[in-house]
Amino acid sequence: MKTCVYLDDPKVVAYLKTASGDMGVKLDKADNHFGLKHDALARAMYKAQAKNPADGSCTSLSAEEVTMLHEAAKAGQIPASYGSVHC
């Protein structure tokens, strides 16, 4: 089953908490800082778990990201809980 470096690696998690910019910019900065390859599924997983610091709402996912999460969950590539994401 796929893991998400943005959620599972403590160094990356800490870095993302301090990085400035919107979600995409933060993820790009983390990729560059840690030499990570762009991973759309891992980014969608992170965005599905991330909360907006201003109001605690979930971060907006594109329709493509939601579909990707649902398909990966259905295929057993990621936890089934991502199959019900709709943010």
C-alpha atoms as a PDB file:
ATOM      1  CA  MET A   1       0.000   0.000   0.000  1.00  0.00           C
ATOM      2  CA  LYS A   2       1.259   3.451  -0.894  1.00  0.00           C
ATOM      3  CA  THR A   3       2.433   5.749   1.859  1.00  0.00           C
ATOM      4  CA  CYS A   4       2.477   9.515   1.707  1.00  0.00           C
ATOM      5  CA  VAL A   5       5.845  11.128   2.388  1.00  0.00           C
ATOM      6  CA  TYR A   6       4.082  14.431   3.120  1.00  0.00           C
ATOM      7  CA  LEU A   7       2.199  12.758   6.006  1.00  0.00           C
ATOM      8  CA  ASP A   8       4.588  10.019   7.132  1.00  0.00           C
ATOM      9  CA  ASP A   9       8.092  11.510   7.134  1.00  0.00           C
ATOM     10  CA  PRO A  10       8.549  13.642  10.279  1.00  0.00           C
ATOM     11  CA  LYS A  11      11.140  15.885   8.611  1.00  0.00           C
ATOM     12  CA  VAL A  12       8.830  16.624   5.675  1.00  0.00           C
ATOM     13  CA  VAL A  13       5.840  17.139   7.981  1.00  0.00           C
ATOM     14  CA  ALA A  14       7.810  19.656  10.065  1.00  0.00           C
ATOM     15  CA  TYR A  15       9.058  21.427   6.943  1.00  0.00           C
ATOM     16  CA  LEU A  16       5.531  21.771   5.511  1.00  0.00           C
ATOM     17  CA  LYS A  17       4.318  23.337   8.766  1.00  0.00           C
ATOM     18  CA  THR A  18       6.887  26.123   8.436  1.00  0.00           C
ATOM     19  CA  ALA A  19       6.892  26.622   4.639  1.00  0.00           C
ATOM     20  CA  SER A  20       5.191  29.728   3.309  1.00  0.00           C
ATOM     21  CA  GLY A  21       2.808  29.976   0.393  1.00  0.00           C
ATOM     22  CA  ASP A  22      -0.323  28.194  -0.725  1.00  0.00           C
ATOM     23  CA  MET A  23      -0.614  24.409  -0.654  1.00  0.00           C
ATOM     24  CA  GLY A  24       0.958  23.856  -4.073  1.00  0.00           C
ATOM     25  CA  VAL A  25       3.865  26.172  -3.307  1.00  0.00           C
ATOM     26  CA  LYS A  26       4.514  24.440   0.027  1.00  0.00           C
ATOM     27  CA  LEU A  27       4.531  21.023  -1.645  1.00  0.00           C
ATOM     28  CA  ASP A  28       6.826  22.274  -4.418  1.00  0.00           C
ATOM     29  CA  LYS A  29       9.204  23.702  -1.808  1.00  0.00           C
ATOM     30  CA  ALA A  30       9.238  20.383   0.079  1.00  0.00           C
ATOM     31  CA  ASP A  31       9.896  18.478  -3.155  1.00  0.00           C
ATOM     32  CA  ASN A  32      12.831  20.751  -3.958  1.00  0.00           C
ATOM     33  CA  HIS A  33      14.210  20.808  -0.416  1.00  0.00           C
ATOM     34  CA  PHE A  34      14.149  17.017   0.021  1.00  0.00           C
ATOM     35  CA  GLY A  35      14.803  16.055  -3.622  1.00  0.00           C
ATOM     36  CA  LEU A  36      11.396  14.414  -3.960  1.00  0.00           C
ATOM     37  CA  LYS A  37       9.920  13.469  -7.305  1.00  0.00           C
ATOM     38  CA  HIS A  38       6.512  15.030  -8.099  1.00  0.00           C
ATOM     39  CA  ASP A  39       3.841  12.570  -6.937  1.00  0.00           C
ATOM     40  CA  ALA A  40       0.288  13.672  -7.735  1.00  0.00           C
ATOM     41  CA  LEU A  41      -1.319  10.918  -5.656  1.00  0.00           C
ATOM     42  CA  ALA A  42       0.765  11.704  -2.560  1.00  0.00           C
ATOM     43  CA  ARG A  43      -0.053  15.396  -2.981  1.00  0.00           C
ATOM     44  CA  ALA A  44      -3.776  14.608  -3.183  1.00  0.00           C
ATOM     45  CA  MET A  45      -3.490  12.409  -0.081  1.00  0.00           C
ATOM     46  CA  TYR A  46      -1.788  15.258   1.793  1.00  0.00           C
ATOM     47  CA  LYS A  47      -4.335  17.818   0.629  1.00  0.00           C
ATOM     48  CA  ALA A  48      -7.192  15.517   1.687  1.00  0.00           C
ATOM     49  CA  GLN A  49      -5.767  15.408   5.234  1.00  0.00           C
ATOM     50  CA  ALA A  50      -4.653  19.038   5.494  1.00  0.00           C
ATOM     51  CA  LYS A  51      -6.836  21.543   7.300  1.00  0.00           C
ATOM     52  CA  ASN A  52      -7.146  25.226   6.527  1.00  0.00           C
ATOM     53  CA  PRO A  53      -5.510  27.007   9.493  1.00  0.00           C
ATOM     54  CA  ALA A  54      -7.969  29.896   9.244  1.00  0.00           C
ATOM     55  CA  ASP A  55     -11.174  27.916   9.788  1.00  0.00           C
ATOM     56  CA  GLY A  56     -10.327  24.199  10.122  1.00  0.00           C
ATOM     57  CA  SER A  57     -12.063  23.276   6.881  1.00  0.00           C
ATOM     58  CA  CYS A  58     -10.493  20.767   4.533  1.00  0.00           C
ATOM     59  CA  THR A  59      -8.349  21.986   1.682  1.00  0.00           C
ATOM     60  CA  SER A  60     -10.061  22.099  -1.686  1.00  0.00           C
ATOM     61  CA  LEU A  61      -9.244  19.203  -3.979  1.00  0.00           C
ATOM     62  CA  SER A  62      -9.787  19.359  -7.708  1.00  0.00           C
ATOM     63  CA  ALA A  63     -12.266  16.954  -9.288  1.00  0.00           C
ATOM     64  CA  GLU A  64      -9.272  15.154 -10.820  1.00  0.00           C
ATOM     65  CA  GLU A  65      -7.651  14.711  -7.397  1.00  0.00           C
ATOM     66  CA  VAL A  66     -10.877  13.372  -5.870  1.00  0.00           C
ATOM     67  CA  THR A  67     -11.254  10.883  -8.729  1.00  0.00           C
ATOM     68  CA  MET A  68      -7.616   9.825  -8.381  1.00  0.00           C
ATOM     69  CA  LEU A  69      -8.081   9.209  -4.642  1.00  0.00           C
ATOM     70  CA  HIS A  70     -11.303   7.243  -5.162  1.00  0.00           C
ATOM     71  CA  GLU A  71      -9.753   5.053  -7.865  1.00  0.00           C
ATOM     72  CA  ALA A  72      -6.582   4.389  -5.867  1.00  0.00           C
ATOM     73  CA  ALA A  73      -8.635   3.505  -2.775  1.00  0.00           C
ATOM     74  CA  LYS A  74     -10.866   1.191  -4.806  1.00  0.00           C
ATOM     75  CA  ALA A  75      -7.775  -0.524  -6.237  1.00  0.00           C
ATOM     76  CA  GLY A  76      -6.353  -0.999  -2.731  1.00  0.00           C
ATOM     77  CA  GLN A  77      -3.334   1.225  -3.421  1.00  0.00           C
ATOM     78  CA  ILE A  78      -4.143   3.595  -0.558  1.00  0.00           C
ATOM     79  CA  PRO A  79      -6.339   3.285   2.565  1.00  0.00           C
ATOM     80  CA  ALA A  80     -10.042   2.827   1.847  1.00  0.00           C
ATOM     81  CA  SER A  81     -10.872   5.973   3.825  1.00  0.00           C
ATOM     82  CA  TYR A  82      -9.688   8.055   0.855  1.00  0.00           C
ATOM     83  CA  GLY A  83     -12.508   6.523  -1.189  1.00  0.00           C
ATOM     84  CA  SER A  84     -15.029   8.802   0.518  1.00  0.00           C
ATOM     85  CA  VAL A  85     -13.087  12.067   0.201  1.00  0.00           C
ATOM     86  CA  HIS A  86     -15.113  14.842  -1.413  1.00  0.00           C
ATOM     87  CA  CYS A  87     -13.512  18.158  -0.376  1.00  0.00           C
END
